[in-house]
Amino acid sequence: MKLLLDEMYSGLKEYFETLGWNVLTVQDAGLQGRKDKDIVEYAKNNNLVLVTQDQKPADLADLLGVKYVLISNALIARIADGKIKAKYPNLKRE
């Protein structure tokens, strides 16, 4: 399965490729600046997993039965919190 990275994640293409994923960005697909619905429909028509930070395309993907992953700011904060705690277990919050 191939990933479609939404605009805010285009800089992660090389990282995902290094991890073994076949990756296309919104920019690669010529969809930069297009409506969320257009991007989600492109993902659906091309059997791609949409990776996005925005709730609206995630909601549209859900409605249209498109595979997607929503990487929210809350999720990023939880991951960072866990990494901080693991690296510095004695660090106290103020």
Protein backbone atom coordinates (compact mmCIF):
# COMPACT_ATOMS: atom_id res chain seq x y z
CA MET A 1 0.00 0.00 0.00
CA LYS A 2 1.17 3.50 -0.83
CA LEU A 3 0.96 6.60 1.40
CA LEU A 4 -0.28 10.03 0.39
CA LEU A 5 1.26 12.72 2.60
CA ASP A 6 -0.86 15.82 3.04
CA GLU A 7 0.86 19.17 2.45
CA MET A 8 2.13 19.68 6.01
CA TYR A 9 3.91 16.31 5.96
CA SER A 10 5.62 16.50 2.56
CA GLY A 11 8.96 16.99 4.33
CA LEU A 12 8.61 13.51 5.83
CA LYS A 13 8.62 11.73 2.47
CA GLU A 14 12.27 10.68 2.68
CA TYR A 15 11.80 9.40 6.23
CA PHE A 16 8.84 7.20 5.27
CA GLU A 17 10.73 5.94 2.21
CA THR A 18 13.67 5.05 4.46
CA LEU A 19 11.23 3.03 6.56
CA GLY A 20 10.21 1.13 3.43
CA TRP A 21 6.99 2.91 2.43
CA ASN A 22 6.09 3.85 -1.11
CA VAL A 23 5.20 7.53 -0.74
CA LEU A 24 3.48 10.21 -2.77
CA THR A 25 2.99 13.77 -1.53
CA VAL A 26 0.09 16.06 -2.34
CA GLN A 27 2.63 18.19 -4.19
CA ASP A 28 3.84 15.17 -6.23
CA ALA A 29 0.25 14.47 -7.24
CA GLY A 30 -0.31 18.07 -8.38
CA LEU A 31 -2.88 18.65 -5.65
CA GLN A 32 -1.16 21.45 -3.72
CA GLY A 33 -3.70 24.07 -2.67
CA ARG A 34 -6.66 21.92 -3.75
CA LYS A 35 -9.76 21.34 -1.63
CA ASP A 36 -9.62 18.68 1.06
CA LYS A 37 -12.33 16.72 -0.74
CA ASP A 38 -10.19 16.57 -3.92
CA ILE A 39 -7.24 15.19 -1.97
CA VAL A 40 -9.36 12.58 -0.20
CA GLU A 41 -10.99 11.52 -3.48
CA TYR A 42 -7.53 11.20 -5.06
CA ALA A 43 -6.48 8.94 -2.17
CA LYS A 44 -9.62 6.86 -2.65
CA ASN A 45 -9.27 6.57 -6.43
CA ASN A 46 -5.63 5.54 -6.13
CA ASN A 47 -5.98 3.23 -3.09
CA LEU A 48 -3.68 5.37 -0.91
CA VAL A 49 -3.49 5.83 2.85
CA LEU A 50 -3.83 9.55 3.58
CA VAL A 51 -1.53 10.86 6.33
CA THR A 52 -2.77 14.22 7.59
CA GLN A 53 -2.69 16.57 10.55
CA ASP A 54 -6.03 18.18 9.77
CA GLN A 55 -9.34 16.98 11.14
CA LYS A 56 -11.42 17.92 8.09
CA PRO A 57 -9.68 15.64 5.56
CA ALA A 58 -9.67 12.88 8.17
CA ASP A 59 -13.43 13.30 8.63
CA LEU A 60 -13.99 13.33 4.85
CA ALA A 61 -11.84 10.21 4.48
CA ASP A 62 -13.89 8.52 7.18
CA LEU A 63 -17.14 9.43 5.40
CA LEU A 64 -15.84 8.19 2.04
CA GLY A 65 -14.28 5.00 3.39
CA VAL A 66 -10.73 6.10 2.61
CA LYS A 67 -7.86 4.75 4.67
CA TYR A 68 -6.23 7.55 6.67
CA VAL A 69 -4.08 8.34 9.68
CA LEU A 70 -4.69 11.53 11.65
CA ILE A 71 -1.54 12.76 13.38
CA SER A 72 -2.99 15.44 15.62
CA ASN A 73 -1.09 17.95 17.71
CA ALA A 74 -2.35 16.13 20.81
CA LEU A 75 -0.82 12.89 19.54
CA ILE A 76 2.49 14.63 18.82
CA ALA A 77 2.47 16.13 22.34
CA ARG A 78 1.80 12.67 23.90
CA ILE A 79 4.67 11.13 21.93
CA ALA A 80 7.04 13.94 22.92
CA ASP A 81 5.95 13.69 26.58
CA GLY A 82 6.67 9.95 26.58
CA LYS A 83 10.09 10.48 25.00
CA ILE A 84 10.99 13.21 27.51
CA LYS A 85 9.94 11.00 30.44
CA ALA A 86 11.89 8.03 29.06
CA LYS A 87 15.07 10.03 28.40
CA TYR A 88 14.94 12.08 31.62
CA PRO A 89 13.03 10.00 34.19
CA ASN A 90 14.06 12.21 37.12
CA LEU A 91 13.01 15.46 35.44
CA LYS A 92 10.24 17.20 37.37
CA ARG A 93 7.53 19.33 35.77
CA GLU A 94 7.06 22.79 37.21
